[in-house]
PDB file of N, CA and C in Angstrom:
ATOM      1  N   MET A   1     -19.269 -25.754 -12.725  1.00  0.00           N
ATOM      2  CA  MET A   1     -18.295 -24.682 -12.687  1.00  0.00           C
ATOM      3  C   MET A   1     -18.930 -23.376 -13.156  1.00  0.00           C
ATOM      4  N   GLU A   2     -19.735 -23.464 -14.210  1.00  0.00           N
ATOM      5  CA  GLU A   2     -20.388 -22.252 -14.717  1.00  0.00           C
ATOM      6  C   GLU A   2     -21.283 -21.641 -13.651  1.00  0.00           C
ATOM      7  N   ARG A   3     -21.955 -22.480 -12.866  1.00  0.00           N
ATOM      8  CA  ARG A   3     -22.831 -21.979 -11.802  1.00  0.00           C
ATOM      9  C   ARG A   3     -22.019 -21.204 -10.757  1.00  0.00           C
ATOM     10  N   ILE A   4     -20.863 -21.712 -10.409  1.00  0.00           N
ATOM     11  CA  ILE A   4     -20.008 -21.044  -9.427  1.00  0.00           C
ATOM     12  C   ILE A   4     -19.513 -19.711  -9.973  1.00  0.00           C
ATOM     13  N   ILE A   5     -19.083 -19.698 -11.230  1.00  0.00           N
ATOM     14  CA  ILE A   5     -18.607 -18.460 -11.854  1.00  0.00           C
ATOM     15  C   ILE A   5     -19.737 -17.436 -11.929  1.00  0.00           C
ATOM     16  N   ARG A   6     -20.936 -17.880 -12.292  1.00  0.00           N
ATOM     17  CA  ARG A   6     -22.085 -16.968 -12.338  1.00  0.00           C
ATOM     18  C   ARG A   6     -22.353 -16.354 -10.967  1.00  0.00           C
ATOM     19  N   SER A   7     -22.283 -17.164  -9.918  1.00  0.00           N
ATOM     20  CA  SER A   7     -22.554 -16.628  -8.576  1.00  0.00           C
ATOM     21  C   SER A   7     -21.498 -15.602  -8.173  1.00  0.00           C
ATOM     22  N   ILE A   8     -20.255 -15.828  -8.558  1.00  0.00           N
ATOM     23  CA  ILE A   8     -19.195 -14.851  -8.273  1.00  0.00           C
ATOM     24  C   ILE A   8     -19.447 -13.561  -9.052  1.00  0.00           C
ATOM     25  N   LEU A   9     -19.819 -13.697 -10.322  1.00  0.00           N
ATOM     26  CA  LEU A   9     -20.059 -12.528 -11.161  1.00  0.00           C
ATOM     27  C   LEU A   9     -21.247 -11.705 -10.672  1.00  0.00           C
ATOM     28  N   GLN A  10     -22.255 -12.370 -10.114  1.00  0.00           N
ATOM     29  CA  GLN A  10     -23.442 -11.665  -9.653  1.00  0.00           C
ATOM     30  C   GLN A  10     -23.251 -11.061  -8.263  1.00  0.00           C
ATOM     31  N   SER A  11     -22.214 -11.435  -7.576  1.00  0.00           N
ATOM     32  CA  SER A  11     -21.961 -10.892  -6.243  1.00  0.00           C
ATOM     33  C   SER A  11     -21.217  -9.561  -6.364  1.00  0.00           C
ATOM     34  N   ASP A  12     -20.996  -8.954  -5.245  1.00  0.00           N
ATOM     35  CA  ASP A  12     -20.258  -7.686  -5.211  1.00  0.00           C
ATOM     36  C   ASP A  12     -18.775  -7.924  -4.943  1.00  0.00           C
ATOM     37  N   THR A  13     -18.266  -9.036  -5.417  1.00  0.00           N
ATOM     38  CA  THR A  13     -16.875  -9.403  -5.190  1.00  0.00           C
ATOM     39  C   THR A  13     -15.938  -8.378  -5.813  1.00  0.00           C
ATOM     40  N   ASP A  14     -14.982  -7.949  -5.019  1.00  0.00           N
ATOM     41  CA  ASP A  14     -13.954  -7.032  -5.507  1.00  0.00           C
ATOM     42  C   ASP A  14     -12.940  -7.863  -6.297  1.00  0.00           C
ATOM     43  N   LEU A  15     -12.691  -7.475  -7.501  1.00  0.00           N
ATOM     44  CA  LEU A  15     -11.776  -8.201  -8.373  1.00  0.00           C
ATOM     45  C   LEU A  15     -10.412  -8.390  -7.717  1.00  0.00           C
ATOM     46  N   TYR A  16      -9.985  -7.426  -6.934  1.00  0.00           N
ATOM     47  CA  TYR A  16      -8.670  -7.490  -6.308  1.00  0.00           C
ATOM     48  C   TYR A  16      -8.663  -8.349  -5.046  1.00  0.00           C
ATOM     49  N   GLU A  17      -9.830  -8.848  -4.652  1.00  0.00           N
ATOM     50  CA  GLU A  17      -9.922  -9.731  -3.497  1.00  0.00           C
ATOM     51  C   GLU A  17     -10.020 -11.200  -3.899  1.00  0.00           C
ATOM     52  N   LEU A  18     -10.013 -11.483  -5.200  1.00  0.00           N
ATOM     53  CA  LEU A  18     -10.105 -12.870  -5.653  1.00  0.00           C
ATOM     54  C   LEU A  18      -8.907 -13.663  -5.152  1.00  0.00           C
ATOM     55  N   PRO A  19      -9.145 -14.900  -4.733  1.00  0.00           N
ATOM     56  CA  PRO A  19      -8.020 -15.732  -4.277  1.00  0.00           C
ATOM     57  C   PRO A  19      -7.192 -16.215  -5.463  1.00  0.00           C
ATOM     58  N   LEU A  20      -6.028 -15.667  -5.614  1.00  0.00           N
ATOM     59  CA  LEU A  20      -5.104 -16.072  -6.675  1.00  0.00           C
ATOM     60  C   LEU A  20      -3.809 -16.559  -6.033  1.00  0.00           C
ATOM     61  N   PRO A  21      -3.139 -17.510  -6.663  1.00  0.00           N
ATOM     62  CA  PRO A  21      -1.849 -17.954  -6.106  1.00  0.00           C
ATOM     63  C   PRO A  21      -0.847 -16.802  -6.051  1.00  0.00           C
ATOM     64  N   ASP A  22       0.041 -16.856  -5.081  1.00  0.00           N
ATOM     65  CA  ASP A  22       1.062 -15.810  -4.947  1.00  0.00           C
ATOM     66  C   ASP A  22       1.995 -15.771  -6.143  1.00  0.00           C
ATOM     67  N   THR A  23       2.101 -16.867  -6.865  1.00  0.00           N
ATOM     68  CA  THR A  23       3.031 -16.931  -7.984  1.00  0.00           C
ATOM     69  C   THR A  23       2.431 -16.385  -9.279  1.00  0.00           C
ATOM     70  N   VAL A  24       1.180 -15.944  -9.228  1.00  0.00           N
ATOM     71  CA  VAL A  24       0.548 -15.407 -10.433  1.00  0.00           C
ATOM     72  C   VAL A  24       1.103 -14.006 -10.680  1.00  0.00           C
ATOM     73  N   GLN A  25       1.852 -13.892 -11.743  1.00  0.00           N
ATOM     74  CA  GLN A  25       2.406 -12.602 -12.120  1.00  0.00           C
ATOM     75  C   GLN A  25       2.960 -12.685 -13.533  1.00  0.00           C
ATOM     76  N   ILE A  26       3.187 -11.549 -14.107  1.00  0.00           N
ATOM     77  CA  ILE A  26       3.766 -11.462 -15.434  1.00  0.00           C
ATOM     78  C   ILE A  26       5.284 -11.505 -15.268  1.00  0.00           C
ATOM     79  N   LYS A  27       5.929 -12.355 -16.042  1.00  0.00           N
ATOM     80  CA  LYS A  27       7.387 -12.474 -15.926  1.00  0.00           C
ATOM     81  C   LYS A  27       8.062 -11.234 -16.516  1.00  0.00           C
ATOM     82  N   SER A  28       8.939 -10.679 -15.737  1.00  0.00           N
ATOM     83  CA  SER A  28       9.687  -9.509 -16.166  1.00  0.00           C
ATOM     84  C   SER A  28      11.003  -9.456 -15.399  1.00  0.00           C
ATOM     85  N   LYS A  29      12.007  -8.900 -16.033  1.00  0.00           N
ATOM     86  CA  LYS A  29      13.308  -8.838 -15.369  1.00  0.00           C
ATOM     87  C   LYS A  29      13.320  -7.842 -14.209  1.00  0.00           C
ATOM     88  N   PHE A  30      12.273  -7.008 -14.108  1.00  0.00           N
ATOM     89  CA  PHE A  30      12.220  -6.008 -13.048  1.00  0.00           C
ATOM     90  C   PHE A  30      11.335  -6.411 -11.876  1.00  0.00           C
ATOM     91  N   ASN A  31      10.772  -7.632 -11.898  1.00  0.00           N
ATOM     92  CA  ASN A  31       9.851  -8.061 -10.852  1.00  0.00           C
ATOM     93  C   ASN A  31      10.431  -7.968  -9.446  1.00  0.00           C
ATOM     94  N   GLU A  32      11.705  -8.204  -9.306  1.00  0.00           N
ATOM     95  CA  GLU A  32      12.302  -8.164  -7.973  1.00  0.00           C
ATOM     96  C   GLU A  32      12.240  -6.767  -7.350  1.00  0.00           C
ATOM     97  N   PHE A  33      12.006  -5.754  -8.164  1.00  0.00           N
ATOM     98  CA  PHE A  33      11.940  -4.380  -7.671  1.00  0.00           C
ATOM     99  C   PHE A  33      10.518  -3.870  -7.473  1.00  0.00           C
ATOM    100  N   ILE A  34       9.534  -4.696  -7.823  1.00  0.00           N
ATOM    101  CA  ILE A  34       8.129  -4.282  -7.759  1.00  0.00           C
ATOM    102  C   ILE A  34       7.448  -5.030  -6.619  1.00  0.00           C
ATOM    103  N   PRO A  35       6.724  -4.320  -5.765  1.00  0.00           N
ATOM    104  CA  PRO A  35       6.029  -4.985  -4.659  1.00  0.00           C
ATOM    105  C   PRO A  35       5.028  -6.025  -5.172  1.00  0.00           C
ATOM    106  N   PRO A  36       4.889  -7.138  -4.455  1.00  0.00           N
ATOM    107  CA  PRO A  36       3.990  -8.221  -4.890  1.00  0.00           C
ATOM    108  C   PRO A  36       2.550  -7.769  -5.146  1.00  0.00           C
ATOM    109  N   ASN A  37       2.042  -6.836  -4.347  1.00  0.00           N
ATOM    110  CA  ASN A  37       0.659  -6.388  -4.567  1.00  0.00           C
ATOM    111  C   ASN A  37       0.504  -5.675  -5.911  1.00  0.00           C
ATOM    112  N   LEU A  38       1.523  -4.985  -6.381  1.00  0.00           N
ATOM    113  CA  LEU A  38       1.450  -4.339  -7.692  1.00  0.00           C
ATOM    114  C   LEU A  38       1.589  -5.356  -8.824  1.00  0.00           C
ATOM    115  N   LEU A  39       2.402  -6.393  -8.624  1.00  0.00           N
ATOM    116  CA  LEU A  39       2.512  -7.454  -9.626  1.00  0.00           C
ATOM    117  C   LEU A  39       1.176  -8.184  -9.767  1.00  0.00           C
ATOM    118  N   ARG A  40       0.499  -8.400  -8.646  1.00  0.00           N
ATOM    119  CA  ARG A  40      -0.816  -9.047  -8.661  1.00  0.00           C
ATOM    120  C   ARG A  40      -1.824  -8.161  -9.392  1.00  0.00           C
ATOM    121  N   LYS A  41      -1.798  -6.877  -9.093  1.00  0.00           N
ATOM    122  CA  LYS A  41      -2.707  -5.933  -9.748  1.00  0.00           C
ATOM    123  C   LYS A  41      -2.454  -5.905 -11.254  1.00  0.00           C
ATOM    124  N   GLN A  42      -1.200  -5.925 -11.658  1.00  0.00           N
ATOM    125  CA  GLN A  42      -0.861  -5.938 -13.078  1.00  0.00           C
ATOM    126  C   GLN A  42      -1.429  -7.179 -13.753  1.00  0.00           C
ATOM    127  N   PHE A  43      -1.299  -8.332 -13.107  1.00  0.00           N
ATOM    128  CA  PHE A  43      -1.832  -9.569 -13.680  1.00  0.00           C
ATOM    129  C   PHE A  43      -3.346  -9.479 -13.831  1.00  0.00           C
ATOM    130  N   ILE A  44      -4.028  -9.025 -12.806  1.00  0.00           N
ATOM    131  CA  ILE A  44      -5.490  -8.919 -12.838  1.00  0.00           C
ATOM    132  C   ILE A  44      -5.941  -7.998 -13.957  1.00  0.00           C
ATOM    133  N   GLU A  45      -5.314  -6.852 -14.082  1.00  0.00           N
ATOM    134  CA  GLU A  45      -5.734  -5.873 -15.089  1.00  0.00           C
ATOM    135  C   GLU A  45      -5.350  -6.269 -16.513  1.00  0.00           C
ATOM    136  N   ASP A  46      -4.243  -6.973 -16.671  1.00  0.00           N
ATOM    137  CA  ASP A  46      -3.775  -7.323 -18.018  1.00  0.00           C
ATOM    138  C   ASP A  46      -4.311  -8.647 -18.544  1.00  0.00           C
ATOM    139  N   TYR A  47      -4.634  -9.586 -17.649  1.00  0.00           N
ATOM    140  CA  TYR A  47      -4.993 -10.924 -18.110  1.00  0.00           C
ATOM    141  C   TYR A  47      -6.410 -11.386 -17.774  1.00  0.00           C
ATOM    142  N   LEU A  48      -7.060 -10.797 -16.797  1.00  0.00           N
ATOM    143  CA  LEU A  48      -8.420 -11.210 -16.455  1.00  0.00           C
ATOM    144  C   LEU A  48      -9.419 -10.256 -17.096  1.00  0.00           C
ATOM    145  N   ASP A  49     -10.192 -10.777 -18.018  1.00  0.00           N
ATOM    146  CA  ASP A  49     -11.221  -9.968 -18.673  1.00  0.00           C
ATOM    147  C   ASP A  49     -12.535 -10.166 -17.913  1.00  0.00           C
ATOM    148  N   TRP A  50     -12.607  -9.553 -16.738  1.00  0.00           N
ATOM    149  CA  TRP A  50     -13.748  -9.700 -15.849  1.00  0.00           C
ATOM    150  C   TRP A  50     -15.044  -9.240 -16.512  1.00  0.00           C
ATOM    151  N   GLU A  51     -15.005  -8.091 -17.142  1.00  0.00           N
ATOM    152  CA  GLU A  51     -16.211  -7.561 -17.802  1.00  0.00           C
ATOM    153  C   GLU A  51     -16.620  -8.426 -18.989  1.00  0.00           C
ATOM    154  N   GLY A  52     -15.663  -8.903 -19.760  1.00  0.00           N
ATOM    155  CA  GLY A  52     -15.974  -9.773 -20.890  1.00  0.00           C
ATOM    156  C   GLY A  52     -16.593 -11.082 -20.434  1.00  0.00           C
ATOM    157  N   LEU A  53     -16.071 -11.639 -19.362  1.00  0.00           N
ATOM    158  CA  LEU A  53     -16.633 -12.870 -18.799  1.00  0.00           C
ATOM    159  C   LEU A  53     -18.043 -12.628 -18.299  1.00  0.00           C
ATOM    160  N   ARG A  54     -18.226 -11.528 -17.604  1.00  0.00           N
ATOM    161  CA  ARG A  54     -19.549 -11.168 -17.073  1.00  0.00           C
ATOM    162  C   ARG A  54     -20.543 -11.018 -18.234  1.00  0.00           C
ATOM    163  N   ASP A  55     -20.164 -10.300 -19.271  1.00  0.00           N
ATOM    164  CA  ASP A  55     -21.056 -10.099 -20.416  1.00  0.00           C
ATOM    165  C   ASP A  55     -21.402 -11.423 -21.101  1.00  0.00           C
ATOM    166  N   ALA A  56     -20.416 -12.289 -21.256  1.00  0.00           N
ATOM    167  CA  ALA A  56     -20.628 -13.565 -21.950  1.00  0.00           C
ATOM    168  C   ALA A  56     -21.548 -14.495 -21.157  1.00  0.00           C
ATOM    169  N   LEU A  57     -21.396 -14.531 -19.853  1.00  0.00           N
ATOM    170  CA  LEU A  57     -22.186 -15.471 -19.060  1.00  0.00           C
ATOM    171  C   LEU A  57     -23.548 -14.934 -18.623  1.00  0.00           C
ATOM    172  N   LEU A  58     -23.648 -13.633 -18.448  1.00  0.00           N
ATOM    173  CA  LEU A  58     -24.887 -13.090 -17.909  1.00  0.00           C
ATOM    174  C   LEU A  58     -25.820 -12.529 -18.970  1.00  0.00           C
ATOM    175  N   SER A  59     -25.369 -12.474 -20.221  1.00  0.00           N
ATOM    176  CA  SER A  59     -26.258 -11.976 -21.273  1.00  0.00           C
ATOM    177  C   SER A  59     -27.211 -13.089 -21.700  1.00  0.00           C
ATOM    178  N   PRO A  60     -28.407 -12.719 -22.119  1.00  0.00           N
ATOM    179  CA  PRO A  60     -29.414 -13.738 -22.488  1.00  0.00           C
ATOM    180  C   PRO A  60     -29.062 -14.518 -23.748  1.00  0.00           C
TER     181      PRO A  60
END
């Protein structure tokens, strides 16, 4: 698994293009008024520490 994550981190993968389930979102009473793409973006920015993961796995 670490090898797969390393290969993703070393690629030019756009964070917003990662395959995530459609149900991944932050629960809020206003979700029905927010477009799904913005809910997905909120989840990515608030819960995925992409840079922290990259630093932890790719540092010597």
